[in-house]
């Protein structure tokens, strides 16, 4: 009986330490970039071929342009027990569009890439306030009457 319990415990320890392989993002086989026609395909046709992207660019590549990029990311990781996952492979397909939403470029990037941080600040042109506006700004906006009361 003790042998069986020991055998069960050892099997739990061994299986608990074996790596867990996980695929995240898009399937590599379905991301065939040879079907994309530069200058012909649009955002709609790319959406039909690949589905919605993992991520999109928020800002154009150069000031004054209205271009955009879609990123289709595939990642395979291995996790052992409680340790941080290790990346086994990563592939990113970047589809670039012009201001008319027509494909201008398709590129495939293998492996993880470190993105340089841009330390410039984005100008905030939102609502500006001060203490006096906060204190006195609501005077006259509210009445003692209840809406809909006669």
C-alpha atoms as a PDB file:
ATOM      1  CA  UNK A   1       0.000   0.000   0.000  1.00  0.00           C
ATOM      2  CA  UNK A   2       2.815   2.413   0.911  1.00  0.00           C
ATOM      3  CA  UNK A   3       4.495   1.635  -2.416  1.00  0.00           C
ATOM      4  CA  UNK A   4       1.347   2.616  -4.306  1.00  0.00           C
ATOM      5  CA  UNK A   5       1.001   5.912  -2.415  1.00  0.00           C
ATOM      6  CA  UNK A   6       4.680   6.693  -3.008  1.00  0.00           C
ATOM      7  CA  UNK A   7       4.296   5.851  -6.699  1.00  0.00           C
ATOM      8  CA  UNK A   8       1.265   8.146  -7.002  1.00  0.00           C
ATOM      9  CA  UNK A   9       3.108  11.002  -5.263  1.00  0.00           C
ATOM     10  CA  UNK A  10       6.161  10.605  -7.509  1.00  0.00           C
ATOM     11  CA  UNK A  11       3.968  10.594 -10.620  1.00  0.00           C
ATOM     12  CA  UNK A  12       2.264  13.835  -9.474  1.00  0.00           C
ATOM     13  CA  UNK A  13       5.643  15.489  -8.936  1.00  0.00           C
ATOM     14  CA  UNK A  14       6.949  14.375 -12.336  1.00  0.00           C
ATOM     15  CA  UNK A  15       3.840  15.484 -14.236  1.00  0.00           C
ATOM     16  CA  UNK A  16       3.726  18.767 -12.307  1.00  0.00           C
ATOM     17  CA  UNK A  17       7.233  19.632 -13.468  1.00  0.00           C
ATOM     18  CA  UNK A  18       6.715  18.774 -17.132  1.00  0.00           C
ATOM     19  CA  UNK A  19       6.429  21.864 -19.343  1.00  0.00           C
ATOM     20  CA  UNK A  20       3.043  23.066 -20.553  1.00  0.00           C
ATOM     21  CA  UNK A  21       3.147  24.247 -24.186  1.00  0.00           C
ATOM     22  CA  UNK A  22       0.632  26.963 -25.065  1.00  0.00           C
ATOM     23  CA  UNK A  23      -0.129  28.546 -28.431  1.00  0.00           C
ATOM     24  CA  UNK A  24      -1.423  32.112 -28.336  1.00  0.00           C
ATOM     25  CA  UNK A  25      -2.706  34.407 -31.049  1.00  0.00           C
ATOM     26  CA  UNK A  26      -3.162  33.424 -34.671  1.00  0.00           C
ATOM     27  CA  UNK A  27      -2.491  30.043 -36.239  1.00  0.00           C
ATOM     28  CA  UNK A  28       0.705  30.175 -38.352  1.00  0.00           C
ATOM     29  CA  UNK A  29      -0.835  27.994 -41.066  1.00  0.00           C
ATOM     30  CA  UNK A  30      -3.744  30.383 -41.649  1.00  0.00           C
ATOM     31  CA  UNK A  31      -1.518  33.469 -41.993  1.00  0.00           C
ATOM     32  CA  UNK A  32      -0.405  32.929 -45.584  1.00  0.00           C
ATOM     33  CA  UNK A  33       0.926  36.334 -46.630  1.00  0.00           C
ATOM     34  CA  UNK A  34       1.303  35.231 -50.252  1.00  0.00           C
ATOM     35  CA  UNK A  35      -2.486  35.682 -50.703  1.00  0.00           C
ATOM     36  CA  UNK A  36      -2.237  39.401 -49.915  1.00  0.00           C
ATOM     37  CA  UNK A  37      -2.061  41.629 -53.001  1.00  0.00           C
ATOM     38  CA  UNK A  38      -0.260  44.905 -52.352  1.00  0.00           C
ATOM     39  CA  UNK A  39      -2.095  47.833 -53.988  1.00  0.00           C
ATOM     40  CA  UNK A  40      -5.313  45.836 -54.394  1.00  0.00           C
ATOM     41  CA  UNK A  41      -6.391  44.467 -51.015  1.00  0.00           C
ATOM     42  CA  UNK A  42      -8.097  46.724 -48.476  1.00  0.00           C
ATOM     43  CA  UNK A  43      -8.793  46.521 -44.745  1.00  0.00           C
ATOM     44  CA  UNK A  44     -12.059  44.721 -45.504  1.00  0.00           C
ATOM     45  CA  UNK A  45     -10.427  42.023 -47.650  1.00  0.00           C
ATOM     46  CA  UNK A  46      -7.624  41.526 -45.079  1.00  0.00           C
ATOM     47  CA  UNK A  47     -10.298  41.142 -42.398  1.00  0.00           C
ATOM     48  CA  UNK A  48     -11.961  38.444 -44.543  1.00  0.00           C
ATOM     49  CA  UNK A  49      -8.664  36.606 -45.127  1.00  0.00           C
ATOM     50  CA  UNK A  50      -7.085  36.788 -41.657  1.00  0.00           C
ATOM     51  CA  UNK A  51      -9.768  38.014 -39.259  1.00  0.00           C
ATOM     52  CA  UNK A  52      -9.392  40.934 -36.889  1.00  0.00           C
ATOM     53  CA  UNK A  53      -5.807  41.879 -35.969  1.00  0.00           C
ATOM     54  CA  UNK A  54      -4.128  41.312 -32.602  1.00  0.00           C
ATOM     55  CA  UNK A  55      -3.266  45.002 -32.462  1.00  0.00           C
ATOM     56  CA  UNK A  56      -3.370  48.146 -34.572  1.00  0.00           C
ATOM     57  CA  UNK A  57      -1.180  51.220 -34.707  1.00  0.00           C
ATOM     58  CA  UNK A  58      -2.590  54.247 -32.930  1.00  0.00           C
ATOM     59  CA  UNK A  59      -0.531  56.857 -34.738  1.00  0.00           C
ATOM     60  CA  UNK A  60       0.678  57.224 -38.329  1.00  0.00           C
ATOM     61  CA  UNK A  61       4.266  56.332 -39.203  1.00  0.00           C
ATOM     62  CA  UNK A  62       5.098  59.953 -40.094  1.00  0.00           C
ATOM     63  CA  UNK A  63       3.486  63.257 -39.072  1.00  0.00           C
ATOM     64  CA  UNK A  64       0.937  64.433 -41.627  1.00  0.00           C
ATOM     65  CA  UNK A  65       0.124  60.956 -42.954  1.00  0.00           C
ATOM     66  CA  UNK A  66      -3.061  59.031 -42.257  1.00  0.00           C
ATOM     67  CA  UNK A  67      -1.613  55.546 -42.742  1.00  0.00           C
ATOM     68  CA  UNK A  68      -2.053  52.663 -40.306  1.00  0.00           C
ATOM     69  CA  UNK A  69      -0.691  49.197 -39.548  1.00  0.00           C
ATOM     70  CA  UNK A  70      -2.314  45.977 -38.413  1.00  0.00           C
ATOM     71  CA  UNK A  71      -0.371  43.397 -36.412  1.00  0.00           C
ATOM     72  CA  UNK A  72      -1.197  39.666 -36.442  1.00  0.00           C
ATOM     73  CA  UNK A  73       0.813  38.000 -33.668  1.00  0.00           C
ATOM     74  CA  UNK A  74       1.449  34.292 -33.062  1.00  0.00           C
ATOM     75  CA  UNK A  75       3.319  33.134 -29.965  1.00  0.00           C
ATOM     76  CA  UNK A  76       4.215  29.739 -28.504  1.00  0.00           C
ATOM     77  CA  UNK A  77       5.254  29.546 -24.843  1.00  0.00           C
ATOM     78  CA  UNK A  78       6.433  26.848 -22.462  1.00  0.00           C
ATOM     79  CA  UNK A  79       5.637  26.985 -18.747  1.00  0.00           C
ATOM     80  CA  UNK A  80       7.057  24.685 -16.084  1.00  0.00           C
ATOM     81  CA  UNK A  81       5.294  24.574 -12.712  1.00  0.00           C
ATOM     82  CA  UNK A  82       5.070  28.101 -11.276  1.00  0.00           C
ATOM     83  CA  UNK A  83       7.934  29.650 -13.273  1.00  0.00           C
ATOM     84  CA  UNK A  84       7.626  32.515 -15.753  1.00  0.00           C
ATOM     85  CA  UNK A  85       6.690  31.303 -19.273  1.00  0.00           C
ATOM     86  CA  UNK A  86       9.524  31.009 -21.795  1.00  0.00           C
ATOM     87  CA  UNK A  87       8.877  32.068 -25.384  1.00  0.00           C
ATOM     88  CA  UNK A  88       9.608  29.218 -27.803  1.00  0.00           C
ATOM     89  CA  UNK A  89       8.675  31.101 -30.971  1.00  0.00           C
ATOM     90  CA  UNK A  90       6.943  34.281 -32.023  1.00  0.00           C
ATOM     91  CA  UNK A  91       5.895  35.523 -35.429  1.00  0.00           C
ATOM     92  CA  UNK A  92       4.344  38.877 -36.292  1.00  0.00           C
ATOM     93  CA  UNK A  93       2.745  39.729 -39.619  1.00  0.00           C
ATOM     94  CA  UNK A  94       2.539  43.494 -40.183  1.00  0.00           C
ATOM     95  CA  UNK A  95       0.117  44.777 -42.829  1.00  0.00           C
ATOM     96  CA  UNK A  96       0.537  48.470 -43.702  1.00  0.00           C
ATOM     97  CA  UNK A  97      -2.256  50.582 -45.195  1.00  0.00           C
ATOM     98  CA  UNK A  98      -2.270  54.014 -46.827  1.00  0.00           C
ATOM     99  CA  UNK A  99      -4.779  56.798 -46.139  1.00  0.00           C
ATOM    100  CA  UNK A 100      -7.305  55.109 -48.482  1.00  0.00           C
ATOM    101  CA  UNK A 101      -7.053  51.809 -46.521  1.00  0.00           C
ATOM    102  CA  UNK A 102      -5.253  50.017 -49.363  1.00  0.00           C
ATOM    103  CA  UNK A 103      -2.408  47.603 -48.507  1.00  0.00           C
ATOM    104  CA  UNK A 104       1.012  49.156 -49.153  1.00  0.00           C
ATOM    105  CA  UNK A 105       3.286  46.557 -47.533  1.00  0.00           C
ATOM    106  CA  UNK A 106       3.217  43.151 -45.839  1.00  0.00           C
ATOM    107  CA  UNK A 107       6.117  41.907 -43.767  1.00  0.00           C
ATOM    108  CA  UNK A 108       6.766  38.929 -41.513  1.00  0.00           C
ATOM    109  CA  UNK A 109       8.918  39.379 -38.400  1.00  0.00           C
ATOM    110  CA  UNK A 110      10.339  36.301 -36.669  1.00  0.00           C
ATOM    111  CA  UNK A 111      11.097  36.295 -32.949  1.00  0.00           C
ATOM    112  CA  UNK A 112      10.491  38.799 -30.210  1.00  0.00           C
ATOM    113  CA  UNK A 113      11.505  42.356 -30.907  1.00  0.00           C
ATOM    114  CA  UNK A 114      12.123  44.990 -28.291  1.00  0.00           C
ATOM    115  CA  UNK A 115      10.271  48.202 -29.016  1.00  0.00           C
ATOM    116  CA  UNK A 116      12.173  51.367 -28.147  1.00  0.00           C
ATOM    117  CA  UNK A 117      10.277  53.660 -25.839  1.00  0.00           C
ATOM    118  CA  UNK A 118       9.574  57.118 -27.206  1.00  0.00           C
ATOM    119  CA  UNK A 119      10.109  59.597 -24.372  1.00  0.00           C
ATOM    120  CA  UNK A 120       8.528  62.565 -26.123  1.00  0.00           C
ATOM    121  CA  UNK A 121       5.284  63.783 -24.611  1.00  0.00           C
ATOM    122  CA  UNK A 122       1.934  63.928 -26.331  1.00  0.00           C
ATOM    123  CA  UNK A 123       0.321  67.336 -25.981  1.00  0.00           C
ATOM    124  CA  UNK A 124      -2.829  67.211 -23.922  1.00  0.00           C
ATOM    125  CA  UNK A 125      -5.386  69.566 -25.414  1.00  0.00           C
ATOM    126  CA  UNK A 126      -8.240  68.472 -23.203  1.00  0.00           C
ATOM    127  CA  UNK A 127     -10.325  70.428 -20.719  1.00  0.00           C
ATOM    128  CA  UNK A 128      -8.335  72.801 -18.527  1.00  0.00           C
ATOM    129  CA  UNK A 129      -9.650  73.678 -15.097  1.00  0.00           C
ATOM    130  CA  UNK A 130      -8.675  75.534 -11.962  1.00  0.00           C
ATOM    131  CA  UNK A 131      -9.909  75.753  -8.381  1.00  0.00           C
ATOM    132  CA  UNK A 132     -12.214  78.753  -8.959  1.00  0.00           C
ATOM    133  CA  UNK A 133     -13.877  77.090 -11.949  1.00  0.00           C
ATOM    134  CA  UNK A 134     -14.393  73.906  -9.912  1.00  0.00           C
ATOM    135  CA  UNK A 135     -15.988  75.832  -7.024  1.00  0.00           C
ATOM    136  CA  UNK A 136     -18.193  78.269  -8.957  1.00  0.00           C
ATOM    137  CA  UNK A 137     -18.722  76.361 -12.201  1.00  0.00           C
ATOM    138  CA  UNK A 138     -21.979  74.685 -11.175  1.00  0.00           C
ATOM    139  CA  UNK A 139     -23.857  77.777  -9.919  1.00  0.00           C
ATOM    140  CA  UNK A 140     -27.024  78.285 -11.889  1.00  0.00           C
ATOM    141  CA  UNK A 141     -26.972  74.837 -13.496  1.00  0.00           C
ATOM    142  CA  UNK A 142     -29.302  73.241 -10.994  1.00  0.00           C
ATOM    143  CA  UNK A 143     -32.788  74.283  -9.928  1.00  0.00           C
ATOM    144  CA  UNK A 144     -34.910  73.357  -6.926  1.00  0.00           C
ATOM    145  CA  UNK A 145     -37.691  72.124  -9.205  1.00  0.00           C
ATOM    146  CA  UNK A 146     -37.866  68.439  -9.917  1.00  0.00           C
ATOM    147  CA  UNK A 147     -37.959  67.577 -13.595  1.00  0.00           C
ATOM    148  CA  UNK A 148     -41.451  66.623 -14.749  1.00  0.00           C
ATOM    149  CA  UNK A 149     -43.173  68.071 -11.627  1.00  0.00           C
ATOM    150  CA  UNK A 150     -46.079  70.497 -12.113  1.00  0.00           C
END
